[in-house]
């Protein structure tokens, strides 16, 4: 692999992490009553997304939708079968309960994401339109309407957000 490709991968990861971090910072600023700071964090997060997408395009990291679904399935399966189980075990061994809970929630939800991607792939030419809802506590993702209680973390339906 060329040094430029390595650099693109590193830049993509950094820009992606900055986007997520700045969105979390924006939520915190809103909670603390600093709407202008929140707006700035969201603007910078959007700019980081522009950078990340540009790096991904240059790496030829965006394929046709069927290829992208297959890659997403593979990534989600890796996370819930290999990555998170090891992380959960380490957190348990170290007594890091909050990290363990975070990893357990993510692990359960990644399996659901893999199933949703597989369903989309299986029905790529005949998919019926539906809405998706996401739990703000654990990330549980579902079709059509949220459950009364999140099956992963127990959050109530009213907490779920509809994805536009």
Foldseek 3Di string as FASTA:
>chain_A
DDPVLVVLVVLLVVLQVLLVVLQVVLVVCVVVPNNVSSVVSNVSSVVSVVSNVVSCVVNVNDDPLLVVLVVLLVVLCCLLPPVLVVQLVVCVVVVVVVSNLLSQLSNVQSVVVSVVSVVCNVCVPPDDDWKWKAAPPRGRIDTHADDCADPRPGDGRVRIDIDD
